[in-house]
């Protein structure tokens, strides 16, 4: 497990940079979002999967249930509608 015992400064805007080694270790890229959770006096940051990661996982899990007539165009239209309605993962 990667040990991060270095203290980092928080900017006047409340921002902090997640160290590259830590981002790499958990697979956080600019495409990802993160969520913040409070546990007592600690703040936990969790990687939120991208829409593509969730979609791939669901396709793998439910491949046997997807109707054979669903096209990539159908998928793209559904995704666009989801994003237009403010859908965020």
C-alpha atoms as a PDB file:
ATOM      1  CA  UNK A   1       0.000   0.000   0.000  1.00  0.00           C
ATOM      2  CA  UNK A   2       1.217   3.471  -0.889  1.00  0.00           C
ATOM      3  CA  UNK A   3       2.069   5.495   2.194  1.00  0.00           C
ATOM      4  CA  UNK A   4       1.463   9.227   2.022  1.00  0.00           C
ATOM      5  CA  UNK A   5       2.763  10.861   5.187  1.00  0.00           C
ATOM      6  CA  UNK A   6       3.461  14.267   3.693  1.00  0.00           C
ATOM      7  CA  UNK A   7       1.293  17.247   4.596  1.00  0.00           C
ATOM      8  CA  UNK A   8      -0.011  19.364   1.714  1.00  0.00           C
ATOM      9  CA  UNK A   9      -1.186  22.962   1.750  1.00  0.00           C
ATOM     10  CA  UNK A  10      -4.722  24.000   0.980  1.00  0.00           C
ATOM     11  CA  UNK A  11      -5.136  27.093  -1.209  1.00  0.00           C
ATOM     12  CA  UNK A  12      -7.238  30.085  -0.233  1.00  0.00           C
ATOM     13  CA  UNK A  13      -9.954  28.585  -2.461  1.00  0.00           C
ATOM     14  CA  UNK A  14      -9.933  25.328  -0.456  1.00  0.00           C
ATOM     15  CA  UNK A  15      -8.115  23.359  -3.154  1.00  0.00           C
ATOM     16  CA  UNK A  16      -5.442  20.732  -2.688  1.00  0.00           C
ATOM     17  CA  UNK A  17      -3.553  18.702  -5.286  1.00  0.00           C
ATOM     18  CA  UNK A  18      -3.831  14.937  -4.974  1.00  0.00           C
ATOM     19  CA  UNK A  19      -0.264  13.616  -5.410  1.00  0.00           C
ATOM     20  CA  UNK A  20       0.396  11.937  -8.778  1.00  0.00           C
ATOM     21  CA  UNK A  21       1.645   8.734  -7.159  1.00  0.00           C
ATOM     22  CA  UNK A  22      -1.633   8.459  -5.245  1.00  0.00           C
ATOM     23  CA  UNK A  23      -3.771   9.292  -8.322  1.00  0.00           C
ATOM     24  CA  UNK A  24      -1.868   6.669 -10.317  1.00  0.00           C
ATOM     25  CA  UNK A  25      -2.207   4.067  -7.559  1.00  0.00           C
ATOM     26  CA  UNK A  26      -6.019   4.296  -7.555  1.00  0.00           C
ATOM     27  CA  UNK A  27      -6.488   5.119 -11.237  1.00  0.00           C
ATOM     28  CA  UNK A  28      -7.813   8.666 -10.956  1.00  0.00           C
ATOM     29  CA  UNK A  29      -7.652  10.530 -14.262  1.00  0.00           C
ATOM     30  CA  UNK A  30      -8.993  13.944 -15.328  1.00  0.00           C
ATOM     31  CA  UNK A  31     -12.112  12.099 -16.575  1.00  0.00           C
ATOM     32  CA  UNK A  32     -12.987  11.026 -13.021  1.00  0.00           C
ATOM     33  CA  UNK A  33     -14.951  12.810 -10.358  1.00  0.00           C
ATOM     34  CA  UNK A  34     -14.349  12.294  -6.655  1.00  0.00           C
ATOM     35  CA  UNK A  35     -16.653  12.363  -3.670  1.00  0.00           C
ATOM     36  CA  UNK A  36     -15.802  13.630  -0.209  1.00  0.00           C
ATOM     37  CA  UNK A  37     -16.952  11.895   2.963  1.00  0.00           C
ATOM     38  CA  UNK A  38     -16.505  13.007   6.549  1.00  0.00           C
ATOM     39  CA  UNK A  39     -15.516  10.456   9.174  1.00  0.00           C
ATOM     40  CA  UNK A  40     -15.115  12.273  12.487  1.00  0.00           C
ATOM     41  CA  UNK A  41     -12.332  14.793  11.898  1.00  0.00           C
ATOM     42  CA  UNK A  42     -11.082  12.983   8.778  1.00  0.00           C
ATOM     43  CA  UNK A  43     -12.019  13.633   5.162  1.00  0.00           C
ATOM     44  CA  UNK A  44     -12.155  10.584   2.888  1.00  0.00           C
ATOM     45  CA  UNK A  45     -11.860  11.119  -0.880  1.00  0.00           C
ATOM     46  CA  UNK A  46     -13.309   8.386  -3.090  1.00  0.00           C
ATOM     47  CA  UNK A  47     -12.928   7.921  -6.825  1.00  0.00           C
ATOM     48  CA  UNK A  48     -16.257   7.961  -8.635  1.00  0.00           C
ATOM     49  CA  UNK A  49     -16.344   5.732 -11.712  1.00  0.00           C
ATOM     50  CA  UNK A  50     -16.783   7.369 -15.111  1.00  0.00           C
ATOM     51  CA  UNK A  51     -19.914   6.757 -17.147  1.00  0.00           C
ATOM     52  CA  UNK A  52     -17.841   4.582 -19.471  1.00  0.00           C
ATOM     53  CA  UNK A  53     -16.598   2.431 -16.569  1.00  0.00           C
ATOM     54  CA  UNK A  54     -20.102   1.966 -15.190  1.00  0.00           C
ATOM     55  CA  UNK A  55     -21.478   1.250 -18.650  1.00  0.00           C
ATOM     56  CA  UNK A  56     -18.791  -1.358 -19.352  1.00  0.00           C
ATOM     57  CA  UNK A  57     -19.433  -3.023 -16.007  1.00  0.00           C
ATOM     58  CA  UNK A  58     -23.187  -3.126 -16.615  1.00  0.00           C
ATOM     59  CA  UNK A  59     -22.720  -4.467 -20.163  1.00  0.00           C
ATOM     60  CA  UNK A  60     -20.505  -7.234 -18.785  1.00  0.00           C
ATOM     61  CA  UNK A  61     -22.900  -8.040 -15.942  1.00  0.00           C
ATOM     62  CA  UNK A  62     -26.087  -7.957 -18.011  1.00  0.00           C
ATOM     63  CA  UNK A  63     -24.800  -8.993 -21.449  1.00  0.00           C
ATOM     64  CA  UNK A  64     -27.161 -11.960 -21.506  1.00  0.00           C
ATOM     65  CA  UNK A  65     -30.159  -9.660 -20.899  1.00  0.00           C
ATOM     66  CA  UNK A  66     -29.491  -6.942 -23.497  1.00  0.00           C
ATOM     67  CA  UNK A  67     -31.822  -7.320 -26.485  1.00  0.00           C
ATOM     68  CA  UNK A  68     -29.865  -8.147 -29.646  1.00  0.00           C
ATOM     69  CA  UNK A  69     -31.499  -5.265 -31.557  1.00  0.00           C
ATOM     70  CA  UNK A  70     -29.978  -2.507 -29.347  1.00  0.00           C
ATOM     71  CA  UNK A  71     -27.538  -0.547 -31.494  1.00  0.00           C
ATOM     72  CA  UNK A  72     -24.648   1.743 -30.680  1.00  0.00           C
ATOM     73  CA  UNK A  73     -26.845   4.607 -31.908  1.00  0.00           C
ATOM     74  CA  UNK A  74     -29.514   3.641 -29.334  1.00  0.00           C
ATOM     75  CA  UNK A  75     -26.851   3.624 -26.629  1.00  0.00           C
ATOM     76  CA  UNK A  76     -25.455   7.003 -27.740  1.00  0.00           C
ATOM     77  CA  UNK A  77     -28.954   8.542 -27.807  1.00  0.00           C
ATOM     78  CA  UNK A  78     -29.711   7.237 -24.309  1.00  0.00           C
ATOM     79  CA  UNK A  79     -26.396   8.552 -23.022  1.00  0.00           C
ATOM     80  CA  UNK A  80     -26.975  11.994 -24.605  1.00  0.00           C
ATOM     81  CA  UNK A  81     -30.443  12.188 -23.041  1.00  0.00           C
ATOM     82  CA  UNK A  82     -28.999  11.194 -19.655  1.00  0.00           C
ATOM     83  CA  UNK A  83     -26.348  13.930 -19.875  1.00  0.00           C
ATOM     84  CA  UNK A  84     -28.867  16.544 -21.105  1.00  0.00           C
ATOM     85  CA  UNK A  85     -30.929  15.868 -18.000  1.00  0.00           C
ATOM     86  CA  UNK A  86     -27.916  16.625 -15.823  1.00  0.00           C
ATOM     87  CA  UNK A  87     -26.845  13.045 -15.236  1.00  0.00           C
ATOM     88  CA  UNK A  88     -23.501  12.864 -13.451  1.00  0.00           C
ATOM     89  CA  UNK A  89     -21.636   9.836 -12.152  1.00  0.00           C
END
